[in-house]
Amino acid sequence: MKNTSRSYKKSRGFTLIELIVVLAIGALLALLSVPFARSILISGKVEPTANDINKTVTAIRGNFAGQGVTPYLNLGSNSAATAVFANTSRGLASALNVTGNGATATVQHDLGETGSQVTVASSTVSVAGDSFAVTLPNVNDAACPGLATQLSRAAEVITVNGTPVKALGGSYNGGMSQNACTAGDTNTFVFTFR
């Protein structure tokens, strides 16, 4: 008679040490990929944010048309001018976040530090009140130089961290814009429109 008993190989599972090592490697890879994923998300928001700013600027230009060479003198102080920008953005913007109503309206961008307030003020290109400046603080370097590039046709003057990357009557310099940017959510873009 044949021996019908089967020989079974002893199966072996993972030890606790092996499991901990695999989990640690996975956690390390996930931790290293978070900044990269955030950069991809921010760079994907640059064009929609620039489009929102362009639409809002076009609407403000229309609202202040016919008021002479200094139409933006009546834009008001910083909080009032920001409220005008925010209220004008409402309904036009999908990438900018508008909160509040009337004179207390504010607008935030999602290109860096959470809750970063966009500010607007009457400005000077040739004479006081002939233009207005839109400032985006706390912008992540993943938006560099894309944000300035996207708005270079519409803006008369552009600065990145205080460095002029487009002067009045001059051409936009993307390389200078890239070099002006710093790592992290530390960049301030100022766009002057007329």
N, C-alpha and C. Protein backbone atom coordinates (compact mmCIF):
# COMPACT_ATOMS: atom_id res chain seq x y z
N MET A 1 0.83 -1.15 0.00
CA MET A 1 0.00 0.00 0.00
C MET A 1 0.90 1.24 0.00
N LYS A 2 0.46 2.19 -0.75
CA LYS A 2 1.19 3.45 -0.87
C LYS A 2 0.96 4.31 0.34
N ASN A 3 1.97 5.09 0.64
CA ASN A 3 1.83 6.03 1.75
C ASN A 3 1.08 7.26 1.22
N THR A 4 -0.11 7.46 1.71
CA THR A 4 -0.95 8.56 1.24
C THR A 4 -0.75 9.84 2.05
N SER A 5 0.08 9.79 2.97
CA SER A 5 0.31 11.02 3.76
C SER A 5 1.10 12.01 2.92
N ARG A 6 0.64 13.17 2.93
CA ARG A 6 1.28 14.23 2.16
C ARG A 6 2.27 14.97 3.06
N SER A 7 3.32 15.37 2.44
CA SER A 7 4.26 16.16 3.22
C SER A 7 3.95 17.64 2.97
N TYR A 8 3.78 18.31 4.01
CA TYR A 8 3.46 19.74 3.94
C TYR A 8 4.71 20.54 4.22
N LYS A 9 4.89 21.56 3.38
CA LYS A 9 6.01 22.47 3.64
C LYS A 9 5.56 23.43 4.71
N LYS A 10 6.46 23.72 5.54
CA LYS A 10 6.15 24.65 6.61
C LYS A 10 6.10 26.05 6.01
N SER A 11 4.93 26.70 6.06
CA SER A 11 4.82 28.05 5.53
C SER A 11 5.27 29.03 6.61
N ARG A 12 5.89 30.03 6.14
CA ARG A 12 6.43 31.00 7.07
C ARG A 12 5.88 32.37 6.73
N GLY A 13 5.40 33.14 7.68
CA GLY A 13 4.88 34.50 7.48
C GLY A 13 5.96 35.52 7.77
N PHE A 14 5.56 36.79 7.76
CA PHE A 14 6.48 37.86 8.08
C PHE A 14 6.67 37.95 9.58
N THR A 15 7.88 38.27 9.96
CA THR A 15 8.13 38.49 11.38
C THR A 15 7.71 39.91 11.71
N LEU A 16 7.57 40.18 12.95
CA LEU A 16 7.18 41.51 13.40
C LEU A 16 8.22 42.55 12.99
N ILE A 17 9.47 42.20 13.05
CA ILE A 17 10.55 43.11 12.66
C ILE A 17 10.44 43.45 11.17
N GLU A 18 10.22 42.45 10.33
CA GLU A 18 10.09 42.70 8.89
C GLU A 18 8.90 43.60 8.59
N LEU A 19 7.81 43.37 9.28
CA LEU A 19 6.61 44.18 9.09
C LEU A 19 6.86 45.64 9.50
N ILE A 20 7.55 45.85 10.61
CA ILE A 20 7.86 47.20 11.08
C ILE A 20 8.78 47.91 10.08
N VAL A 21 9.77 47.20 9.54
CA VAL A 21 10.69 47.80 8.56
C VAL A 21 9.92 48.21 7.30
N VAL A 22 9.04 47.36 6.80
CA VAL A 22 8.25 47.69 5.61
C VAL A 22 7.35 48.90 5.86
N LEU A 23 6.70 48.96 7.03
CA LEU A 23 5.86 50.10 7.37
C LEU A 23 6.67 51.37 7.49
N ALA A 24 7.85 51.28 8.06
CA ALA A 24 8.71 52.46 8.21
C ALA A 24 9.15 52.98 6.84
N ILE A 25 9.50 52.10 5.94
CA ILE A 25 9.89 52.52 4.59
C ILE A 25 8.71 53.17 3.88
N GLY A 26 7.53 52.59 4.00
CA GLY A 26 6.32 53.17 3.40
C GLY A 26 6.02 54.54 3.96
N ALA A 27 6.14 54.70 5.28
CA ALA A 27 5.88 56.00 5.91
C ALA A 27 6.90 57.04 5.44
N LEU A 28 8.15 56.65 5.31
CA LEU A 28 9.20 57.56 4.85
C LEU A 28 8.93 58.01 3.41
N LEU A 29 8.55 57.07 2.55
CA LEU A 29 8.23 57.42 1.17
C LEU A 29 7.02 58.36 1.09
N ALA A 30 6.02 58.10 1.90
CA ALA A 30 4.83 58.97 1.93
C ALA A 30 5.21 60.37 2.42
N LEU A 31 6.04 60.45 3.44
CA LEU A 31 6.47 61.74 3.98
C LEU A 31 7.26 62.54 2.95
N LEU A 32 8.10 61.87 2.19
CA LEU A 32 8.90 62.55 1.18
C LEU A 32 8.07 62.99 -0.02
N SER A 33 6.96 62.32 -0.28
CA SER A 33 6.15 62.66 -1.45
C SER A 33 5.15 63.80 -1.18
N VAL A 34 4.87 64.13 0.08
CA VAL A 34 3.89 65.17 0.40
C VAL A 34 4.29 66.53 -0.18
N PRO A 35 5.52 67.03 0.00
CA PRO A 35 5.86 68.32 -0.60
C PRO A 35 5.77 68.30 -2.12
N PHE A 36 6.14 67.20 -2.73
CA PHE A 36 6.07 67.09 -4.18
C PHE A 36 4.62 67.14 -4.64
N ALA A 37 3.74 66.43 -3.95
CA ALA A 37 2.32 66.44 -4.30
C ALA A 37 1.73 67.83 -4.11
N ARG A 38 2.12 68.51 -3.04
CA ARG A 38 1.62 69.88 -2.79
C ARG A 38 2.07 70.82 -3.89
N SER A 39 3.32 70.68 -4.33
CA SER A 39 3.83 71.51 -5.42
C SER A 39 3.03 71.30 -6.70
N ILE A 40 2.68 70.07 -6.98
CA ILE A 40 1.89 69.77 -8.18
C ILE A 40 0.50 70.40 -8.06
N LEU A 41 -0.11 70.31 -6.89
CA LEU A 41 -1.44 70.90 -6.68
C LEU A 41 -1.39 72.42 -6.84
N ILE A 42 -0.38 73.06 -6.25
CA ILE A 42 -0.26 74.51 -6.34
C ILE A 42 0.00 74.95 -7.77
N SER A 43 0.89 74.27 -8.47
CA SER A 43 1.17 74.67 -9.86
C SER A 43 -0.07 74.50 -10.74
N GLY A 44 -0.95 73.57 -10.39
CA GLY A 44 -2.19 73.40 -11.12
C GLY A 44 -3.20 74.51 -10.85
N LYS A 45 -3.02 75.26 -9.78
CA LYS A 45 -3.94 76.36 -9.43
C LYS A 45 -3.49 77.71 -9.99
N VAL A 46 -2.29 77.77 -10.57
CA VAL A 46 -1.74 79.04 -11.05
C VAL A 46 -2.61 79.62 -12.16
N GLU A 47 -2.89 78.85 -13.19
CA GLU A 47 -3.66 79.37 -14.32
C GLU A 47 -5.08 79.79 -13.92
N PRO A 48 -5.83 78.96 -13.15
CA PRO A 48 -7.16 79.43 -12.74
C PRO A 48 -7.12 80.70 -11.88
N THR A 49 -6.12 80.82 -11.02
CA THR A 49 -6.00 82.02 -10.19
C THR A 49 -5.70 83.25 -11.06
N ALA A 50 -4.78 83.09 -12.01
CA ALA A 50 -4.46 84.20 -12.92
C ALA A 50 -5.68 84.58 -13.76
N ASN A 51 -6.44 83.59 -14.20
CA ASN A 51 -7.66 83.88 -14.97
C ASN A 51 -8.67 84.66 -14.13
N ASP A 52 -8.82 84.27 -12.86
CA ASP A 52 -9.73 84.99 -11.96
C ASP A 52 -9.29 86.43 -11.77
N ILE A 53 -7.99 86.64 -11.59
CA ILE A 53 -7.47 88.00 -11.42
C ILE A 53 -7.71 88.81 -12.69
N ASN A 54 -7.43 88.20 -13.85
CA ASN A 54 -7.66 88.90 -15.12
C ASN A 54 -9.12 89.29 -15.31
N LYS A 55 -10.04 88.38 -15.00
CA LYS A 55 -11.47 88.69 -15.15
C LYS A 55 -11.89 89.81 -14.20
N THR A 56 -11.38 89.76 -12.97
CA THR A 56 -11.73 90.78 -11.99
C THR A 56 -11.16 92.14 -12.39
N VAL A 57 -9.91 92.16 -12.84
CA VAL A 57 -9.27 93.40 -13.28
C VAL A 57 -10.04 94.00 -14.46
N THR A 58 -10.45 93.16 -15.41
CA THR A 58 -11.22 93.64 -16.56
C THR A 58 -12.53 94.27 -16.11
N ALA A 59 -13.20 93.63 -15.15
CA ALA A 59 -14.46 94.18 -14.63
C ALA A 59 -14.24 95.50 -13.90
N ILE A 60 -13.17 95.59 -13.10
CA ILE A 60 -12.87 96.84 -12.38
C ILE A 60 -12.55 97.95 -13.37
N ARG A 61 -11.77 97.64 -14.39
CA ARG A 61 -11.46 98.64 -15.42
C ARG A 61 -12.76 99.18 -16.03
N GLY A 62 -13.69 98.29 -16.31
CA GLY A 62 -14.97 98.70 -16.87
C GLY A 62 -15.77 99.56 -15.90
N ASN A 63 -15.76 99.17 -14.63
CA ASN A 63 -16.50 99.93 -13.62
C ASN A 63 -15.96 101.34 -13.41
N PHE A 64 -14.65 101.53 -13.61
CA PHE A 64 -14.02 102.83 -13.36
C PHE A 64 -13.73 103.60 -14.65
N ALA A 65 -14.17 103.06 -15.78
CA ALA A 65 -13.92 103.73 -17.07
C ALA A 65 -14.63 105.08 -17.10
N GLY A 66 -14.06 106.00 -17.82
CA GLY A 66 -14.68 107.31 -17.98
C GLY A 66 -14.47 108.26 -16.83
N GLN A 67 -13.54 107.95 -15.93
CA GLN A 67 -13.30 108.82 -14.78
C GLN A 67 -11.97 109.56 -14.92
N GLY A 68 -11.56 109.82 -16.15
CA GLY A 68 -10.35 110.60 -16.38
C GLY A 68 -9.08 109.79 -16.28
N VAL A 69 -7.95 110.50 -16.12
CA VAL A 69 -6.65 109.85 -16.09
C VAL A 69 -6.32 109.24 -14.72
N THR A 70 -7.12 109.57 -13.71
CA THR A 70 -6.88 109.02 -12.37
C THR A 70 -8.14 108.33 -11.84
N PRO A 71 -8.63 107.33 -12.54
CA PRO A 71 -9.91 106.72 -12.15
C PRO A 71 -9.86 105.98 -10.82
N TYR A 72 -8.68 105.55 -10.41
CA TYR A 72 -8.60 104.70 -9.22
C TYR A 72 -8.33 105.48 -7.94
N LEU A 73 -8.34 106.82 -8.02
CA LEU A 73 -8.26 107.63 -6.80
C LEU A 73 -9.48 107.33 -5.92
N ASN A 74 -10.61 107.03 -6.56
CA ASN A 74 -11.85 106.75 -5.84
C ASN A 74 -11.97 105.28 -5.41
N LEU A 75 -10.92 104.50 -5.64
CA LEU A 75 -10.95 103.09 -5.26
C LEU A 75 -10.99 102.94 -3.74
N GLY A 76 -10.45 103.91 -3.04
CA GLY A 76 -10.47 103.88 -1.58
C GLY A 76 -9.17 103.41 -0.98
N SER A 77 -9.18 103.32 0.35
CA SER A 77 -7.99 102.87 1.08
C SER A 77 -7.84 101.36 0.90
N ASN A 78 -6.82 100.80 1.52
CA ASN A 78 -6.53 99.38 1.32
C ASN A 78 -7.71 98.46 1.58
N SER A 79 -8.38 98.60 2.73
CA SER A 79 -9.50 97.69 3.02
C SER A 79 -10.67 97.95 2.09
N ALA A 80 -10.93 99.21 1.75
CA ALA A 80 -12.03 99.53 0.83
C ALA A 80 -11.70 99.04 -0.58
N ALA A 81 -10.47 99.25 -1.02
CA ALA A 81 -10.06 98.80 -2.35
C ALA A 81 -10.09 97.27 -2.44
N THR A 82 -9.65 96.62 -1.37
CA THR A 82 -9.70 95.15 -1.33
C THR A 82 -11.13 94.67 -1.39
N ALA A 83 -12.04 95.36 -0.70
CA ALA A 83 -13.46 94.99 -0.73
C ALA A 83 -14.03 95.15 -2.13
N VAL A 84 -13.63 96.22 -2.84
CA VAL A 84 -14.08 96.39 -4.23
C VAL A 84 -13.62 95.22 -5.08
N PHE A 85 -12.36 94.83 -4.93
CA PHE A 85 -11.82 93.70 -5.68
C PHE A 85 -12.56 92.41 -5.31
N ALA A 86 -12.77 92.19 -4.02
CA ALA A 86 -13.45 90.97 -3.56
C ALA A 86 -14.89 90.91 -4.07
N ASN A 87 -15.62 92.01 -3.93
CA ASN A 87 -17.01 92.03 -4.39
C ASN A 87 -17.11 91.88 -5.90
N THR A 88 -16.14 92.43 -6.63
CA THR A 88 -16.12 92.27 -8.08
C THR A 88 -15.79 90.82 -8.46
N SER A 89 -14.93 90.18 -7.67
CA SER A 89 -14.56 88.78 -7.92
C SER A 89 -15.71 87.81 -7.71
N ARG A 90 -16.59 88.17 -6.79
CA ARG A 90 -17.70 87.28 -6.47
C ARG A 90 -18.51 86.99 -7.74
N GLY A 91 -18.69 85.74 -8.03
CA GLY A 91 -19.42 85.33 -9.22
C GLY A 91 -18.54 85.17 -10.45
N LEU A 92 -17.39 85.82 -10.46
CA LEU A 92 -16.45 85.68 -11.58
C LEU A 92 -15.37 84.65 -11.27
N ALA A 93 -15.00 84.56 -10.01
CA ALA A 93 -13.83 83.78 -9.60
C ALA A 93 -14.22 82.39 -9.12
N SER A 94 -13.39 81.43 -9.51
CA SER A 94 -13.56 80.07 -8.99
C SER A 94 -12.34 79.63 -8.18
N ALA A 95 -11.19 80.22 -8.44
CA ALA A 95 -9.96 79.85 -7.72
C ALA A 95 -9.68 80.77 -6.55
N LEU A 96 -10.22 81.99 -6.57
CA LEU A 96 -10.07 82.91 -5.44
C LEU A 96 -11.23 82.69 -4.48
N ASN A 97 -10.97 82.82 -3.18
CA ASN A 97 -12.00 82.61 -2.17
C ASN A 97 -12.46 83.94 -1.61
N VAL A 98 -13.70 84.29 -1.89
CA VAL A 98 -14.26 85.56 -1.41
C VAL A 98 -15.08 85.30 -0.15
N THR A 99 -14.81 86.09 0.90
CA THR A 99 -15.59 85.98 2.13
C THR A 99 -16.10 87.37 2.51
N GLY A 100 -17.18 87.40 3.25
CA GLY A 100 -17.75 88.66 3.69
C GLY A 100 -18.53 89.33 2.58
N ASN A 101 -19.18 90.44 2.94
CA ASN A 101 -19.99 91.20 1.99
C ASN A 101 -19.72 92.69 2.15
N GLY A 102 -20.00 93.43 1.09
CA GLY A 102 -19.88 94.88 1.16
C GLY A 102 -18.48 95.33 1.53
N ALA A 103 -18.41 96.30 2.44
CA ALA A 103 -17.13 96.90 2.82
C ALA A 103 -16.23 95.96 3.61
N THR A 104 -16.76 94.83 4.09
CA THR A 104 -15.95 93.88 4.86
C THR A 104 -15.51 92.67 4.03
N ALA A 105 -15.79 92.69 2.74
CA ALA A 105 -15.42 91.56 1.88
C ALA A 105 -13.91 91.46 1.74
N THR A 106 -13.42 90.24 1.75
CA THR A 106 -12.00 89.97 1.54
C THR A 106 -11.87 88.83 0.54
N VAL A 107 -10.66 88.66 0.05
CA VAL A 107 -10.40 87.60 -0.92
C VAL A 107 -9.07 86.93 -0.56
N GLN A 108 -9.05 85.61 -0.64
CA GLN A 108 -7.84 84.83 -0.35
C GLN A 108 -7.45 84.02 -1.59
N HIS A 109 -6.17 83.69 -1.67
CA HIS A 109 -5.69 82.81 -2.74
C HIS A 109 -5.24 81.49 -2.14
N ASP A 110 -5.15 80.45 -2.98
CA ASP A 110 -4.74 79.11 -2.54
C ASP A 110 -3.40 78.71 -3.15
N LEU A 111 -2.51 79.65 -3.33
CA LEU A 111 -1.22 79.36 -3.95
C LEU A 111 -0.10 79.23 -2.94
N GLY A 112 -0.44 79.03 -1.71
CA GLY A 112 0.58 78.89 -0.67
C GLY A 112 -0.05 78.75 0.68
N GLU A 113 0.39 79.58 1.62
CA GLU A 113 -0.11 79.52 2.99
C GLU A 113 -1.63 79.69 3.02
N THR A 114 -2.29 78.85 3.78
CA THR A 114 -3.74 78.87 3.89
C THR A 114 -4.22 80.21 4.44
N GLY A 115 -5.27 80.75 3.81
CA GLY A 115 -5.86 81.99 4.28
C GLY A 115 -5.09 83.25 3.93
N SER A 116 -4.22 83.17 2.93
CA SER A 116 -3.44 84.35 2.54
C SER A 116 -4.34 85.38 1.86
N GLN A 117 -4.38 86.57 2.44
CA GLN A 117 -5.27 87.63 1.97
C GLN A 117 -4.65 88.38 0.79
N VAL A 118 -5.42 88.52 -0.26
CA VAL A 118 -5.05 89.37 -1.39
C VAL A 118 -5.39 90.80 -0.96
N THR A 119 -4.48 91.74 -1.21
CA THR A 119 -4.77 93.14 -0.89
C THR A 119 -4.70 93.97 -2.17
N VAL A 120 -5.47 95.03 -2.18
CA VAL A 120 -5.56 95.91 -3.35
C VAL A 120 -5.44 97.34 -2.85
N ALA A 121 -4.79 98.18 -3.64
CA ALA A 121 -4.65 99.60 -3.28
C ALA A 121 -4.51 100.43 -4.54
N SER A 122 -4.98 101.65 -4.46
CA SER A 122 -4.75 102.61 -5.53
C SER A 122 -3.24 102.79 -5.66
N SER A 123 -2.75 102.98 -6.89
CA SER A 123 -1.31 103.03 -7.11
C SER A 123 -0.95 104.13 -8.10
N THR A 124 0.34 104.22 -8.39
CA THR A 124 0.85 105.25 -9.30
C THR A 124 1.75 104.63 -10.34
N VAL A 125 1.39 104.81 -11.61
CA VAL A 125 2.29 104.47 -12.71
C VAL A 125 2.90 105.76 -13.22
N SER A 126 2.04 106.71 -13.61
CA SER A 126 2.50 108.04 -14.03
C SER A 126 2.07 109.10 -13.02
N VAL A 127 0.79 109.06 -12.64
CA VAL A 127 0.26 109.98 -11.63
C VAL A 127 -0.57 109.18 -10.63
N ALA A 128 -0.70 109.69 -9.42
CA ALA A 128 -1.42 108.99 -8.35
C ALA A 128 -2.85 108.69 -8.79
N GLY A 129 -3.26 107.45 -8.62
CA GLY A 129 -4.62 107.04 -8.93
C GLY A 129 -4.84 106.60 -10.36
N ASP A 130 -3.78 106.55 -11.16
CA ASP A 130 -3.95 106.10 -12.54
C ASP A 130 -3.90 104.58 -12.67
N SER A 131 -3.66 103.90 -11.55
CA SER A 131 -3.54 102.44 -11.56
C SER A 131 -3.91 101.89 -10.19
N PHE A 132 -3.95 100.57 -10.10
CA PHE A 132 -4.15 99.92 -8.81
C PHE A 132 -3.27 98.68 -8.76
N ALA A 133 -2.82 98.36 -7.55
CA ALA A 133 -1.92 97.23 -7.33
C ALA A 133 -2.65 96.11 -6.61
N VAL A 134 -2.42 94.88 -7.08
CA VAL A 134 -2.96 93.68 -6.46
C VAL A 134 -1.78 92.90 -5.90
N THR A 135 -1.79 92.66 -4.59
CA THR A 135 -0.69 91.98 -3.92
C THR A 135 -1.12 90.61 -3.43
N LEU A 136 -0.35 89.58 -3.80
CA LEU A 136 -0.58 88.23 -3.33
C LEU A 136 0.61 87.83 -2.47
N PRO A 137 0.45 87.79 -1.14
CA PRO A 137 1.55 87.39 -0.25
C PRO A 137 1.54 85.87 -0.03
N ASN A 138 2.60 85.37 0.56
CA ASN A 138 2.69 83.97 0.99
C ASN A 138 2.43 82.98 -0.14
N VAL A 139 2.99 83.27 -1.31
CA VAL A 139 2.84 82.39 -2.47
C VAL A 139 3.97 81.35 -2.45
N ASN A 140 3.62 80.10 -2.72
CA ASN A 140 4.59 79.02 -2.74
C ASN A 140 5.47 79.11 -3.99
N ASP A 141 6.71 78.65 -3.86
CA ASP A 141 7.63 78.70 -4.99
C ASP A 141 7.17 77.84 -6.17
N ALA A 142 6.22 76.93 -5.97
CA ALA A 142 5.68 76.13 -7.08
C ALA A 142 4.91 77.01 -8.06
N ALA A 143 4.51 78.20 -7.63
CA ALA A 143 3.80 79.14 -8.51
C ALA A 143 4.76 80.08 -9.23
N CYS A 144 6.05 79.88 -9.03
CA CYS A 144 7.07 80.73 -9.65
C CYS A 144 7.64 80.08 -10.90
N PRO A 145 7.84 80.79 -11.96
CA PRO A 145 7.39 82.14 -12.24
C PRO A 145 6.03 82.16 -12.92
N GLY A 146 5.33 81.02 -12.90
CA GLY A 146 4.08 80.87 -13.64
C GLY A 146 3.04 81.94 -13.41
N LEU A 147 2.86 82.36 -12.16
CA LEU A 147 1.84 83.37 -11.87
C LEU A 147 2.18 84.69 -12.56
N ALA A 148 3.44 85.11 -12.46
CA ALA A 148 3.87 86.35 -13.11
C ALA A 148 3.78 86.21 -14.63
N THR A 149 4.14 85.06 -15.15
CA THR A 149 4.07 84.82 -16.59
C THR A 149 2.63 84.93 -17.08
N GLN A 150 1.70 84.33 -16.34
CA GLN A 150 0.28 84.35 -16.73
C GLN A 150 -0.29 85.77 -16.76
N LEU A 151 0.17 86.63 -15.86
CA LEU A 151 -0.38 87.99 -15.77
C LEU A 151 0.50 89.04 -16.44
N SER A 152 1.55 88.61 -17.12
CA SER A 152 2.50 89.57 -17.70
C SER A 152 1.91 90.42 -18.82
N ARG A 153 0.92 89.94 -19.51
CA ARG A 153 0.31 90.74 -20.59
C ARG A 153 -0.62 91.81 -20.04
N ALA A 154 -1.31 91.50 -18.95
CA ALA A 154 -2.31 92.43 -18.42
C ALA A 154 -1.72 93.47 -17.48
N ALA A 155 -0.68 93.12 -16.76
CA ALA A 155 -0.10 94.02 -15.76
C ALA A 155 0.91 94.97 -16.39
N GLU A 156 0.88 96.22 -15.93
CA GLU A 156 1.84 97.23 -16.40
C GLU A 156 3.21 97.04 -15.74
N VAL A 157 3.17 96.71 -14.44
CA VAL A 157 4.38 96.54 -13.64
C VAL A 157 4.19 95.29 -12.79
N ILE A 158 5.26 94.48 -12.66
CA ILE A 158 5.22 93.28 -11.82
C ILE A 158 6.48 93.25 -10.97
N THR A 159 6.30 92.99 -9.67
CA THR A 159 7.45 92.73 -8.81
C THR A 159 7.25 91.40 -8.11
N VAL A 160 8.35 90.70 -7.90
CA VAL A 160 8.36 89.46 -7.14
C VAL A 160 9.35 89.65 -6.01
N ASN A 161 8.85 89.61 -4.78
CA ASN A 161 9.69 89.84 -3.59
C ASN A 161 10.47 91.15 -3.69
N GLY A 162 9.82 92.17 -4.24
CA GLY A 162 10.43 93.49 -4.35
C GLY A 162 11.31 93.68 -5.57
N THR A 163 11.56 92.63 -6.32
CA THR A 163 12.38 92.72 -7.52
C THR A 163 11.50 93.01 -8.73
N PRO A 164 11.75 94.11 -9.45
CA PRO A 164 10.95 94.38 -10.65
C PRO A 164 11.27 93.37 -11.74
N VAL A 165 10.26 92.62 -12.18
CA VAL A 165 10.45 91.64 -13.25
C VAL A 165 9.76 92.11 -14.53
N LYS A 166 8.96 93.16 -14.41
CA LYS A 166 8.41 93.87 -15.57
C LYS A 166 8.28 95.33 -15.17
N ALA A 167 9.06 96.18 -15.84
CA ALA A 167 9.01 97.61 -15.57
C ALA A 167 8.03 98.26 -16.53
N LEU A 168 7.59 99.44 -16.19
CA LEU A 168 6.67 100.19 -17.03
C LEU A 168 7.24 100.35 -18.43
N GLY A 169 6.50 99.91 -19.43
CA GLY A 169 6.93 100.00 -20.81
C GLY A 169 7.95 98.95 -21.21
N GLY A 170 8.36 98.12 -20.27
CA GLY A 170 9.37 97.10 -20.56
C GLY A 170 8.74 95.73 -20.81
N SER A 171 9.59 94.79 -21.08
CA SER A 171 9.17 93.41 -21.30
C SER A 171 9.27 92.63 -20.00
N TYR A 172 8.47 91.62 -19.88
CA TYR A 172 8.52 90.72 -18.73
C TYR A 172 9.75 89.84 -18.83
N ASN A 173 10.46 89.64 -17.70
CA ASN A 173 11.65 88.82 -17.66
C ASN A 173 11.39 87.60 -16.79
N GLY A 174 11.05 86.46 -17.41
CA GLY A 174 10.73 85.23 -16.69
C GLY A 174 11.90 84.67 -15.90
N GLY A 175 13.11 84.80 -16.43
CA GLY A 175 14.29 84.32 -15.72
C GLY A 175 14.54 85.10 -14.44
N MET A 176 14.36 86.41 -14.52
CA MET A 176 14.52 87.26 -13.34
C MET A 176 13.44 86.93 -12.31
N SER A 177 12.23 86.65 -12.81
CA SER A 177 11.13 86.28 -11.93
C SER A 177 11.45 84.98 -11.20
N GLN A 178 11.97 84.00 -11.91
CA GLN A 178 12.34 82.72 -11.30
C GLN A 178 13.42 82.92 -10.25
N ASN A 179 14.41 83.73 -10.56
CA ASN A 179 15.51 83.97 -9.63
C ASN A 179 15.08 84.76 -8.40
N ALA A 180 14.04 85.56 -8.52
CA ALA A 180 13.55 86.36 -7.39
C ALA A 180 12.78 85.53 -6.38
N CYS A 181 12.30 84.36 -6.81
CA CYS A 181 11.50 83.51 -5.92
C CYS A 181 12.36 82.79 -4.90
N THR A 182 11.79 82.57 -3.72
CA THR A 182 12.46 81.85 -2.65
C THR A 182 11.67 80.60 -2.31
N ALA A 183 12.29 79.68 -1.60
CA ALA A 183 11.65 78.40 -1.27
C ALA A 183 10.52 78.57 -0.27
N GLY A 184 9.50 77.75 -0.42
CA GLY A 184 8.39 77.75 0.53
C GLY A 184 7.31 78.77 0.21
N ASP A 185 6.45 79.03 1.19
CA ASP A 185 5.33 79.96 1.05
C ASP A 185 5.77 81.38 1.41
N THR A 186 6.85 81.84 0.81
CA THR A 186 7.49 83.09 1.26
C THR A 186 7.48 84.19 0.21
N ASN A 187 6.83 83.98 -0.91
CA ASN A 187 6.92 84.92 -2.03
C ASN A 187 5.75 85.89 -2.07
N THR A 188 6.06 87.14 -2.42
CA THR A 188 5.04 88.18 -2.56
C THR A 188 5.08 88.71 -3.98
N PHE A 189 3.93 88.62 -4.64
CA PHE A 189 3.79 89.11 -6.01
C PHE A 189 2.95 90.38 -5.96
N VAL A 190 3.39 91.43 -6.65
CA VAL A 190 2.61 92.66 -6.76
C VAL A 190 2.43 92.96 -8.25
N PHE A 191 1.17 93.06 -8.65
CA PHE A 191 0.80 93.34 -10.03
C PHE A 191 0.12 94.71 -10.07
N THR A 192 0.63 95.61 -10.90
CA THR A 192 0.04 96.93 -11.05
C THR A 192 -0.68 97.00 -12.38
N PHE A 193 -1.98 97.35 -12.31
CA PHE A 193 -2.83 97.40 -13.49
C PHE A 193 -3.29 98.83 -13.73
N ARG A 194 -3.49 99.16 -14.99
CA ARG A 194 -3.99 100.47 -15.37
C ARG A 194 -5.18 100.30 -16.27
